[in-house]
């Protein structure tokens, strides 16, 4: 593999971790978040400054994960009082607040961003392998959560909070846990991105990034682990392989979101299930006819 292919694979792995974090919040627990890029940025800035202060790479990424998770827990507290559209607006506000802080504070790099982030001490191939291993770990973690009692509780909250309470599900604990885990995963992705790019700036973590991640989750199928991974790979590589559409990336993502929400609300995962069921019904009819 060349440097270009290695860099693309690394970016895909980082985006998978980031998208799985949002899927934990919005897909598993049904909490709409339009500010996921802020937690991505918190992880990146924390890891960047920790690394520049001399902290080892693992400690820098871990610090980004913890701080993003703690901020996510605080934001999760707001989800206990607001729902649906109001929660979406609240999380979007968190994203704008983060951008305002990093842009106005010179100590955080301001508009110029943070440069000179130390190398993690790995060759590009080794770093790619590390990122892909972490992506695989968080994939397994997401699948374990989804199939555990906690996943069933999350699903109950996503379907109907009032019914979940009647069934003795601790709705508040589920929301806070989902926010903490999902934002901590975004923090890990941010720390990995900072060490990979070695230069970060506020625009890397703006509202556009939040919409991009939301597109990855929605197109793959909200709540589907493998669907989200497939859509993340596609949406990460598409602008690279089709350079002529790179200037229209936002238009493309907007059209995809509109199309998926209108014609295939379950995303790629729902489309795959529909095709499989159609094939089973067709096979059954043939056997009955035979």
C-alpha atoms as a PDB file:
ATOM      1  CA  UNK A   1       0.000   0.000   0.000  1.00  0.00           C
ATOM      2  CA  UNK A   2       1.157   3.509  -0.791  1.00  0.00           C
ATOM      3  CA  UNK A   3       1.078   6.510   1.542  1.00  0.00           C
ATOM      4  CA  UNK A   4      -2.179   7.719  -0.020  1.00  0.00           C
ATOM      5  CA  UNK A   5      -3.987   4.410   0.494  1.00  0.00           C
ATOM      6  CA  UNK A   6      -2.653   4.114   4.053  1.00  0.00           C
ATOM      7  CA  UNK A   7      -3.873   7.625   4.878  1.00  0.00           C
ATOM      8  CA  UNK A   8      -7.332   6.845   3.454  1.00  0.00           C
ATOM      9  CA  UNK A   9      -7.588   3.612   5.447  1.00  0.00           C
ATOM     10  CA  UNK A  10      -6.566   5.481   8.609  1.00  0.00           C
ATOM     11  CA  UNK A  11      -9.190   8.154   8.002  1.00  0.00           C
ATOM     12  CA  UNK A  12     -11.838   5.475   7.393  1.00  0.00           C
ATOM     13  CA  UNK A  13     -10.995   3.837  10.718  1.00  0.00           C
ATOM     14  CA  UNK A  14     -11.220   7.156  12.574  1.00  0.00           C
ATOM     15  CA  UNK A  15     -14.559   7.963  10.952  1.00  0.00           C
ATOM     16  CA  UNK A  16     -15.919   4.525  11.846  1.00  0.00           C
ATOM     17  CA  UNK A  17     -15.195   5.147  15.536  1.00  0.00           C
ATOM     18  CA  UNK A  18     -16.755   8.603  15.280  1.00  0.00           C
ATOM     19  CA  UNK A  19     -19.908   7.340  13.526  1.00  0.00           C
ATOM     20  CA  UNK A  20     -20.339   4.415  15.919  1.00  0.00           C
ATOM     21  CA  UNK A  21     -20.265   6.924  18.783  1.00  0.00           C
ATOM     22  CA  UNK A  22     -23.165   8.881  17.279  1.00  0.00           C
ATOM     23  CA  UNK A  23     -24.958   5.606  16.548  1.00  0.00           C
ATOM     24  CA  UNK A  24     -24.724   4.770  20.252  1.00  0.00           C
ATOM     25  CA  UNK A  25     -26.565   7.997  21.102  1.00  0.00           C
ATOM     26  CA  UNK A  26     -29.029   8.395  18.234  1.00  0.00           C
ATOM     27  CA  UNK A  27     -29.294   4.855  16.914  1.00  0.00           C
ATOM     28  CA  UNK A  28     -29.394   2.798  20.082  1.00  0.00           C
ATOM     29  CA  UNK A  29     -31.012   5.263  22.491  1.00  0.00           C
ATOM     30  CA  UNK A  30     -32.950   7.524  20.110  1.00  0.00           C
ATOM     31  CA  UNK A  31     -31.424  10.810  21.325  1.00  0.00           C
ATOM     32  CA  UNK A  32     -31.007  13.252  18.438  1.00  0.00           C
ATOM     33  CA  UNK A  33     -27.574  14.904  18.421  1.00  0.00           C
ATOM     34  CA  UNK A  34     -26.502  17.568  15.934  1.00  0.00           C
ATOM     35  CA  UNK A  35     -23.338  18.551  17.767  1.00  0.00           C
ATOM     36  CA  UNK A  36     -21.293  15.358  17.685  1.00  0.00           C
ATOM     37  CA  UNK A  37     -18.366  17.143  16.037  1.00  0.00           C
ATOM     38  CA  UNK A  38     -17.891  19.192  19.212  1.00  0.00           C
ATOM     39  CA  UNK A  39     -16.934  16.073  21.182  1.00  0.00           C
ATOM     40  CA  UNK A  40     -14.721  14.997  18.306  1.00  0.00           C
ATOM     41  CA  UNK A  41     -13.035  18.382  18.635  1.00  0.00           C
ATOM     42  CA  UNK A  42     -12.740  18.147  22.417  1.00  0.00           C
ATOM     43  CA  UNK A  43     -10.879  14.870  22.031  1.00  0.00           C
ATOM     44  CA  UNK A  44      -8.642  16.305  19.314  1.00  0.00           C
ATOM     45  CA  UNK A  45      -7.728  19.519  21.155  1.00  0.00           C
ATOM     46  CA  UNK A  46      -7.168  17.714  24.454  1.00  0.00           C
ATOM     47  CA  UNK A  47      -4.919  15.105  22.868  1.00  0.00           C
ATOM     48  CA  UNK A  48      -3.058  17.770  20.893  1.00  0.00           C
ATOM     49  CA  UNK A  49      -2.202  19.906  23.910  1.00  0.00           C
ATOM     50  CA  UNK A  50      -1.416  16.867  26.058  1.00  0.00           C
ATOM     51  CA  UNK A  51       0.994  15.603  23.393  1.00  0.00           C
ATOM     52  CA  UNK A  52       2.613  19.033  23.035  1.00  0.00           C
ATOM     53  CA  UNK A  53       3.070  19.086  26.814  1.00  0.00           C
ATOM     54  CA  UNK A  54       5.035  15.855  26.576  1.00  0.00           C
ATOM     55  CA  UNK A  55       2.370  13.272  27.453  1.00  0.00           C
ATOM     56  CA  UNK A  56       2.714   9.853  25.793  1.00  0.00           C
ATOM     57  CA  UNK A  57       0.383   9.174  22.873  1.00  0.00           C
ATOM     58  CA  UNK A  58      -1.873   6.673  24.747  1.00  0.00           C
ATOM     59  CA  UNK A  59      -2.260   9.076  27.682  1.00  0.00           C
ATOM     60  CA  UNK A  60      -3.125  11.963  25.343  1.00  0.00           C
ATOM     61  CA  UNK A  61      -5.846   9.977  23.556  1.00  0.00           C
ATOM     62  CA  UNK A  62      -7.170   8.643  26.867  1.00  0.00           C
ATOM     63  CA  UNK A  63      -7.394  12.195  28.243  1.00  0.00           C
ATOM     64  CA  UNK A  64      -9.351  13.265  25.163  1.00  0.00           C
ATOM     65  CA  UNK A  65     -11.721  10.336  25.612  1.00  0.00           C
ATOM     66  CA  UNK A  66     -12.324  11.085  29.299  1.00  0.00           C
ATOM     67  CA  UNK A  67     -12.887  14.825  28.837  1.00  0.00           C
ATOM     68  CA  UNK A  68     -15.215  14.316  25.863  1.00  0.00           C
ATOM     69  CA  UNK A  69     -17.139  11.710  27.841  1.00  0.00           C
ATOM     70  CA  UNK A  70     -17.484  14.007  30.856  1.00  0.00           C
ATOM     71  CA  UNK A  71     -18.734  16.885  28.713  1.00  0.00           C
ATOM     72  CA  UNK A  72     -21.075  14.458  26.993  1.00  0.00           C
ATOM     73  CA  UNK A  73     -22.382  13.381  30.393  1.00  0.00           C
ATOM     74  CA  UNK A  74     -23.094  17.015  31.229  1.00  0.00           C
ATOM     75  CA  UNK A  75     -24.901  17.482  27.920  1.00  0.00           C
ATOM     76  CA  UNK A  76     -26.770  14.254  28.608  1.00  0.00           C
ATOM     77  CA  UNK A  77     -28.219  15.890  31.702  1.00  0.00           C
ATOM     78  CA  UNK A  78     -30.053  18.314  29.404  1.00  0.00           C
ATOM     79  CA  UNK A  79     -31.612  15.373  27.573  1.00  0.00           C
ATOM     80  CA  UNK A  80     -33.475  14.546  30.763  1.00  0.00           C
ATOM     81  CA  UNK A  81     -35.533  17.733  30.361  1.00  0.00           C
ATOM     82  CA  UNK A  82     -35.837  18.129  26.578  1.00  0.00           C
ATOM     83  CA  UNK A  83     -36.774  15.764  23.780  1.00  0.00           C
ATOM     84  CA  UNK A  84     -36.751  15.435  20.013  1.00  0.00           C
ATOM     85  CA  UNK A  85     -36.434  18.797  18.215  1.00  0.00           C
ATOM     86  CA  UNK A  86     -35.493  20.663  21.400  1.00  0.00           C
ATOM     87  CA  UNK A  87     -32.710  18.162  22.114  1.00  0.00           C
ATOM     88  CA  UNK A  88     -31.444  18.522  18.540  1.00  0.00           C
ATOM     89  CA  UNK A  89     -31.295  22.309  18.943  1.00  0.00           C
ATOM     90  CA  UNK A  90     -29.550  21.952  22.315  1.00  0.00           C
ATOM     91  CA  UNK A  91     -26.830  19.673  20.946  1.00  0.00           C
ATOM     92  CA  UNK A  92     -26.416  21.922  17.913  1.00  0.00           C
ATOM     93  CA  UNK A  93     -25.878  24.805  20.333  1.00  0.00           C
ATOM     94  CA  UNK A  94     -23.127  22.816  22.065  1.00  0.00           C
ATOM     95  CA  UNK A  95     -21.373  22.505  18.720  1.00  0.00           C
ATOM     96  CA  UNK A  96     -21.514  26.248  18.083  1.00  0.00           C
ATOM     97  CA  UNK A  97     -20.404  26.949  21.659  1.00  0.00           C
ATOM     98  CA  UNK A  98     -17.332  24.765  21.191  1.00  0.00           C
ATOM     99  CA  UNK A  99     -16.416  26.556  17.965  1.00  0.00           C
ATOM    100  CA  UNK A 100     -16.881  29.946  19.608  1.00  0.00           C
ATOM    101  CA  UNK A 101     -14.576  29.025  22.480  1.00  0.00           C
ATOM    102  CA  UNK A 102     -11.707  27.616  20.392  1.00  0.00           C
ATOM    103  CA  UNK A 103     -11.902  30.451  17.871  1.00  0.00           C
ATOM    104  CA  UNK A 104     -11.852  33.239  20.443  1.00  0.00           C
ATOM    105  CA  UNK A 105      -9.215  31.830  22.792  1.00  0.00           C
ATOM    106  CA  UNK A 106      -5.679  32.418  21.540  1.00  0.00           C
ATOM    107  CA  UNK A 107      -4.395  29.922  24.091  1.00  0.00           C
ATOM    108  CA  UNK A 108      -6.320  27.262  22.136  1.00  0.00           C
ATOM    109  CA  UNK A 109      -4.866  28.389  18.826  1.00  0.00           C
ATOM    110  CA  UNK A 110      -7.735  30.637  17.759  1.00  0.00           C
ATOM    111  CA  UNK A 111      -8.623  30.696  14.073  1.00  0.00           C
ATOM    112  CA  UNK A 112      -5.134  29.484  13.161  1.00  0.00           C
ATOM    113  CA  UNK A 113      -5.610  26.172  14.918  1.00  0.00           C
ATOM    114  CA  UNK A 114      -2.960  24.016  16.564  1.00  0.00           C
ATOM    115  CA  UNK A 115       0.121  22.948  14.637  1.00  0.00           C
ATOM    116  CA  UNK A 116       3.242  21.001  15.506  1.00  0.00           C
ATOM    117  CA  UNK A 117       1.360  18.158  17.202  1.00  0.00           C
ATOM    118  CA  UNK A 118       3.977  15.500  18.047  1.00  0.00           C
ATOM    119  CA  UNK A 119       4.034  12.252  16.112  1.00  0.00           C
ATOM    120  CA  UNK A 120       2.602   9.234  17.962  1.00  0.00           C
ATOM    121  CA  UNK A 121       5.909   7.455  17.398  1.00  0.00           C
ATOM    122  CA  UNK A 122       4.563   4.957  14.878  1.00  0.00           C
ATOM    123  CA  UNK A 123       5.155   4.566  11.180  1.00  0.00           C
ATOM    124  CA  UNK A 124       2.150   5.337   8.990  1.00  0.00           C
ATOM    125  CA  UNK A 125       1.466   1.639   8.407  1.00  0.00           C
ATOM    126  CA  UNK A 126       1.681   0.878  12.119  1.00  0.00           C
ATOM    127  CA  UNK A 127      -0.609   3.790  12.939  1.00  0.00           C
ATOM    128  CA  UNK A 128      -3.142   2.610  10.352  1.00  0.00           C
ATOM    129  CA  UNK A 129      -3.120  -0.869  11.907  1.00  0.00           C
ATOM    130  CA  UNK A 130      -3.625   0.623  15.379  1.00  0.00           C
ATOM    131  CA  UNK A 131      -6.570   2.739  14.198  1.00  0.00           C
ATOM    132  CA  UNK A 132      -8.198  -0.222  12.433  1.00  0.00           C
ATOM    133  CA  UNK A 133      -7.744  -2.399  15.527  1.00  0.00           C
ATOM    134  CA  UNK A 134      -9.450   0.276  17.632  1.00  0.00           C
ATOM    135  CA  UNK A 135     -12.242   0.538  15.041  1.00  0.00           C
ATOM    136  CA  UNK A 136     -12.707  -3.235  15.271  1.00  0.00           C
ATOM    137  CA  UNK A 137     -12.738  -3.019  19.069  1.00  0.00           C
ATOM    138  CA  UNK A 138     -15.437  -0.351  19.111  1.00  0.00           C
ATOM    139  CA  UNK A 139     -17.412  -2.336  16.544  1.00  0.00           C
ATOM    140  CA  UNK A 140     -17.333  -5.366  18.849  1.00  0.00           C
ATOM    141  CA  UNK A 141     -18.170  -3.116  21.816  1.00  0.00           C
ATOM    142  CA  UNK A 142     -21.184  -1.656  19.974  1.00  0.00           C
ATOM    143  CA  UNK A 143     -22.432  -5.128  19.050  1.00  0.00           C
ATOM    144  CA  UNK A 144     -22.008  -6.294  22.647  1.00  0.00           C
ATOM    145  CA  UNK A 145     -23.938  -3.293  23.966  1.00  0.00           C
ATOM    146  CA  UNK A 146     -26.704  -3.784  21.392  1.00  0.00           C
ATOM    147  CA  UNK A 147     -27.196  -7.436  22.325  1.00  0.00           C
ATOM    148  CA  UNK A 148     -26.924  -6.932  26.085  1.00  0.00           C
ATOM    149  CA  UNK A 149     -29.620  -6.024  28.584  1.00  0.00           C
ATOM    150  CA  UNK A 150     -28.423  -2.432  28.291  1.00  0.00           C
ATOM    151  CA  UNK A 151     -29.066  -2.507  24.550  1.00  0.00           C
ATOM    152  CA  UNK A 152     -32.616  -3.722  25.107  1.00  0.00           C
ATOM    153  CA  UNK A 153     -33.127  -0.924  27.639  1.00  0.00           C
ATOM    154  CA  UNK A 154     -31.766   1.609  25.132  1.00  0.00           C
ATOM    155  CA  UNK A 155     -34.156   0.274  22.493  1.00  0.00           C
ATOM    156  CA  UNK A 156     -37.096   0.603  24.867  1.00  0.00           C
ATOM    157  CA  UNK A 157     -36.174   4.238  25.582  1.00  0.00           C
ATOM    158  CA  UNK A 158     -35.784   4.964  21.860  1.00  0.00           C
ATOM    159  CA  UNK A 159     -39.195   3.458  21.065  1.00  0.00           C
ATOM    160  CA  UNK A 160     -41.227   5.088  23.849  1.00  0.00           C
ATOM    161  CA  UNK A 161     -39.830   6.636  27.022  1.00  0.00           C
ATOM    162  CA  UNK A 162     -43.135   6.520  28.902  1.00  0.00           C
ATOM    163  CA  UNK A 163     -43.646   2.834  28.148  1.00  0.00           C
ATOM    164  CA  UNK A 164     -40.041   2.150  29.125  1.00  0.00           C
ATOM    165  CA  UNK A 165     -40.674   3.734  32.528  1.00  0.00           C
ATOM    166  CA  UNK A 166     -43.724   1.541  33.008  1.00  0.00           C
ATOM    167  CA  UNK A 167     -41.482  -1.451  32.294  1.00  0.00           C
ATOM    168  CA  UNK A 168     -39.176  -0.230  35.113  1.00  0.00           C
ATOM    169  CA  UNK A 169     -36.401   0.901  32.751  1.00  0.00           C
ATOM    170  CA  UNK A 170     -34.276   3.677  34.271  1.00  0.00           C
ATOM    171  CA  UNK A 171     -34.684   6.150  31.406  1.00  0.00           C
ATOM    172  CA  UNK A 172     -32.388   8.796  32.913  1.00  0.00           C
ATOM    173  CA  UNK A 173     -29.558   6.300  33.436  1.00  0.00           C
ATOM    174  CA  UNK A 174     -29.936   5.012  29.866  1.00  0.00           C
ATOM    175  CA  UNK A 175     -29.744   8.500  28.350  1.00  0.00           C
ATOM    176  CA  UNK A 176     -26.739   9.532  30.432  1.00  0.00           C
ATOM    177  CA  UNK A 177     -24.923   6.266  29.713  1.00  0.00           C
ATOM    178  CA  UNK A 178     -25.542   6.533  25.973  1.00  0.00           C
ATOM    179  CA  UNK A 179     -24.317  10.126  25.861  1.00  0.00           C
ATOM    180  CA  UNK A 180     -21.235   9.360  27.947  1.00  0.00           C
ATOM    181  CA  UNK A 181     -20.219   6.328  25.877  1.00  0.00           C
ATOM    182  CA  UNK A 182     -21.004   7.882  22.495  1.00  0.00           C
ATOM    183  CA  UNK A 183     -19.150  11.114  23.205  1.00  0.00           C
ATOM    184  CA  UNK A 184     -16.194   9.253  24.740  1.00  0.00           C
ATOM    185  CA  UNK A 185     -15.892   7.321  21.470  1.00  0.00           C
ATOM    186  CA  UNK A 186     -15.937  10.639  19.601  1.00  0.00           C
ATOM    187  CA  UNK A 187     -13.131  11.796  21.907  1.00  0.00           C
ATOM    188  CA  UNK A 188     -11.048   8.763  20.970  1.00  0.00           C
ATOM    189  CA  UNK A 189     -11.634   9.496  17.280  1.00  0.00           C
ATOM    190  CA  UNK A 190     -10.607  13.125  17.849  1.00  0.00           C
ATOM    191  CA  UNK A 191      -7.402  12.138  19.635  1.00  0.00           C
ATOM    192  CA  UNK A 192      -6.505   9.743  16.848  1.00  0.00           C
ATOM    193  CA  UNK A 193      -7.247  12.388  14.222  1.00  0.00           C
ATOM    194  CA  UNK A 194      -5.068  15.002  15.928  1.00  0.00           C
ATOM    195  CA  UNK A 195      -2.112  12.620  16.049  1.00  0.00           C
ATOM    196  CA  UNK A 196      -2.749  11.554  12.456  1.00  0.00           C
ATOM    197  CA  UNK A 197      -3.122  15.044  10.937  1.00  0.00           C
ATOM    198  CA  UNK A 198      -0.656  16.752  13.347  1.00  0.00           C
ATOM    199  CA  UNK A 199      -2.531  19.980  12.662  1.00  0.00           C
ATOM    200  CA  UNK A 200      -6.098  20.824  13.654  1.00  0.00           C
ATOM    201  CA  UNK A 201      -8.267  23.904  13.253  1.00  0.00           C
ATOM    202  CA  UNK A 202     -11.807  24.860  14.329  1.00  0.00           C
ATOM    203  CA  UNK A 203     -13.345  24.206  10.897  1.00  0.00           C
ATOM    204  CA  UNK A 204     -12.407  20.518  11.220  1.00  0.00           C
ATOM    205  CA  UNK A 205     -15.066  20.210  13.938  1.00  0.00           C
ATOM    206  CA  UNK A 206     -17.832  22.475  12.700  1.00  0.00           C
ATOM    207  CA  UNK A 207     -21.503  21.886  11.999  1.00  0.00           C
ATOM    208  CA  UNK A 208     -20.654  20.474   8.572  1.00  0.00           C
ATOM    209  CA  UNK A 209     -18.722  17.669  10.253  1.00  0.00           C
ATOM    210  CA  UNK A 210     -21.696  16.899  12.505  1.00  0.00           C
ATOM    211  CA  UNK A 211     -23.963  16.653   9.459  1.00  0.00           C
ATOM    212  CA  UNK A 212     -21.433  14.443   7.688  1.00  0.00           C
ATOM    213  CA  UNK A 213     -21.355  12.016  10.617  1.00  0.00           C
ATOM    214  CA  UNK A 214     -25.148  12.105  10.839  1.00  0.00           C
ATOM    215  CA  UNK A 215     -25.271  11.210   7.138  1.00  0.00           C
ATOM    216  CA  UNK A 216     -23.041   8.195   7.770  1.00  0.00           C
ATOM    217  CA  UNK A 217     -25.378   6.959  10.490  1.00  0.00           C
ATOM    218  CA  UNK A 218     -28.633   7.702   8.641  1.00  0.00           C
ATOM    219  CA  UNK A 219     -27.527   6.239   5.297  1.00  0.00           C
ATOM    220  CA  UNK A 220     -26.215   3.093   6.960  1.00  0.00           C
ATOM    221  CA  UNK A 221     -29.337   2.625   9.024  1.00  0.00           C
ATOM    222  CA  UNK A 222     -29.882   4.230  12.407  1.00  0.00           C
ATOM    223  CA  UNK A 223     -29.097   1.621  15.034  1.00  0.00           C
ATOM    224  CA  UNK A 224     -27.366  -0.786  12.634  1.00  0.00           C
ATOM    225  CA  UNK A 225     -23.696  -1.343  13.462  1.00  0.00           C
ATOM    226  CA  UNK A 226     -22.611  -2.914  10.180  1.00  0.00           C
ATOM    227  CA  UNK A 227     -24.814  -0.595   8.130  1.00  0.00           C
ATOM    228  CA  UNK A 228     -23.127   2.416   9.704  1.00  0.00           C
ATOM    229  CA  UNK A 229     -19.684   0.955   9.012  1.00  0.00           C
ATOM    230  CA  UNK A 230     -20.505   0.329   5.343  1.00  0.00           C
ATOM    231  CA  UNK A 231     -21.945   3.807   4.818  1.00  0.00           C
ATOM    232  CA  UNK A 232     -18.955   5.373   6.613  1.00  0.00           C
ATOM    233  CA  UNK A 233     -16.549   3.613   4.275  1.00  0.00           C
ATOM    234  CA  UNK A 234     -18.574   4.681   1.238  1.00  0.00           C
ATOM    235  CA  UNK A 235     -19.034   8.319   2.283  1.00  0.00           C
ATOM    236  CA  UNK A 236     -15.384   8.662   3.324  1.00  0.00           C
ATOM    237  CA  UNK A 237     -13.981   7.246   0.099  1.00  0.00           C
ATOM    238  CA  UNK A 238     -16.529   8.681  -2.341  1.00  0.00           C
ATOM    239  CA  UNK A 239     -15.128  12.249  -2.408  1.00  0.00           C
ATOM    240  CA  UNK A 240     -11.635  10.807  -2.875  1.00  0.00           C
ATOM    241  CA  UNK A 241     -12.477   8.548  -5.798  1.00  0.00           C
ATOM    242  CA  UNK A 242     -14.837  11.058  -7.406  1.00  0.00           C
ATOM    243  CA  UNK A 243     -12.887  14.284  -7.137  1.00  0.00           C
ATOM    244  CA  UNK A 244     -15.264  16.093  -9.471  1.00  0.00           C
ATOM    245  CA  UNK A 245     -17.989  15.941  -6.806  1.00  0.00           C
ATOM    246  CA  UNK A 246     -15.782  17.129  -3.929  1.00  0.00           C
ATOM    247  CA  UNK A 247     -17.027  20.714  -4.354  1.00  0.00           C
ATOM    248  CA  UNK A 248     -20.583  19.440  -4.083  1.00  0.00           C
ATOM    249  CA  UNK A 249     -20.068  17.184  -1.067  1.00  0.00           C
ATOM    250  CA  UNK A 250     -22.546  19.053   1.120  1.00  0.00           C
ATOM    251  CA  UNK A 251     -25.136  18.969  -1.656  1.00  0.00           C
ATOM    252  CA  UNK A 252     -24.574  15.234  -2.021  1.00  0.00           C
ATOM    253  CA  UNK A 253     -24.875  14.563   1.716  1.00  0.00           C
ATOM    254  CA  UNK A 254     -28.021  16.689   1.901  1.00  0.00           C
ATOM    255  CA  UNK A 255     -29.568  14.817  -1.018  1.00  0.00           C
ATOM    256  CA  UNK A 256     -28.625  11.477   0.558  1.00  0.00           C
ATOM    257  CA  UNK A 257     -30.198  12.445   3.875  1.00  0.00           C
ATOM    258  CA  UNK A 258     -33.366  13.617   2.148  1.00  0.00           C
ATOM    259  CA  UNK A 259     -33.567  10.518  -0.028  1.00  0.00           C
ATOM    260  CA  UNK A 260     -32.931   8.100   2.821  1.00  0.00           C
ATOM    261  CA  UNK A 261     -35.386   9.756   5.192  1.00  0.00           C
ATOM    262  CA  UNK A 262     -38.044   9.931   2.468  1.00  0.00           C
ATOM    263  CA  UNK A 263     -37.682   6.607   0.672  1.00  0.00           C
ATOM    264  CA  UNK A 264     -35.610   4.316   2.920  1.00  0.00           C
ATOM    265  CA  UNK A 265     -35.806   5.498   6.549  1.00  0.00           C
ATOM    266  CA  UNK A 266     -34.020   2.341   7.720  1.00  0.00           C
ATOM    267  CA  UNK A 267     -31.029   3.036   5.459  1.00  0.00           C
ATOM    268  CA  UNK A 268     -28.822   0.404   3.878  1.00  0.00           C
ATOM    269  CA  UNK A 269     -29.592  -2.045   6.676  1.00  0.00           C
ATOM    270  CA  UNK A 270     -33.342  -1.799   6.041  1.00  0.00           C
ATOM    271  CA  UNK A 271     -32.852  -2.097   2.272  1.00  0.00           C
ATOM    272  CA  UNK A 272     -30.737  -5.234   2.754  1.00  0.00           C
ATOM    273  CA  UNK A 273     -33.345  -6.800   5.020  1.00  0.00           C
ATOM    274  CA  UNK A 274     -36.103  -6.007   2.510  1.00  0.00           C
ATOM    275  CA  UNK A 275     -34.128  -7.617  -0.325  1.00  0.00           C
ATOM    276  CA  UNK A 276     -33.410 -10.679   1.788  1.00  0.00           C
ATOM    277  CA  UNK A 277     -37.072 -11.064   2.783  1.00  0.00           C
ATOM    278  CA  UNK A 278     -38.141 -10.657  -0.836  1.00  0.00           C
ATOM    279  CA  UNK A 279     -35.704 -13.391  -1.832  1.00  0.00           C
ATOM    280  CA  UNK A 280     -37.015 -15.705   0.879  1.00  0.00           C
ATOM    281  CA  UNK A 281     -40.633 -15.095  -0.179  1.00  0.00           C
ATOM    282  CA  UNK A 282     -39.721 -15.705  -3.815  1.00  0.00           C
ATOM    283  CA  UNK A 283     -37.961 -18.949  -2.929  1.00  0.00           C
ATOM    284  CA  UNK A 284     -40.935 -20.036  -0.844  1.00  0.00           C
ATOM    285  CA  UNK A 285     -43.353 -19.412  -3.704  1.00  0.00           C
ATOM    286  CA  UNK A 286     -41.185 -21.428  -6.079  1.00  0.00           C
ATOM    287  CA  UNK A 287     -41.062 -24.343  -3.646  1.00  0.00           C
ATOM    288  CA  UNK A 288     -44.835 -24.191  -3.163  1.00  0.00           C
ATOM    289  CA  UNK A 289     -45.363 -24.096  -6.911  1.00  0.00           C
ATOM    290  CA  UNK A 290     -43.002 -27.015  -7.387  1.00  0.00           C
END
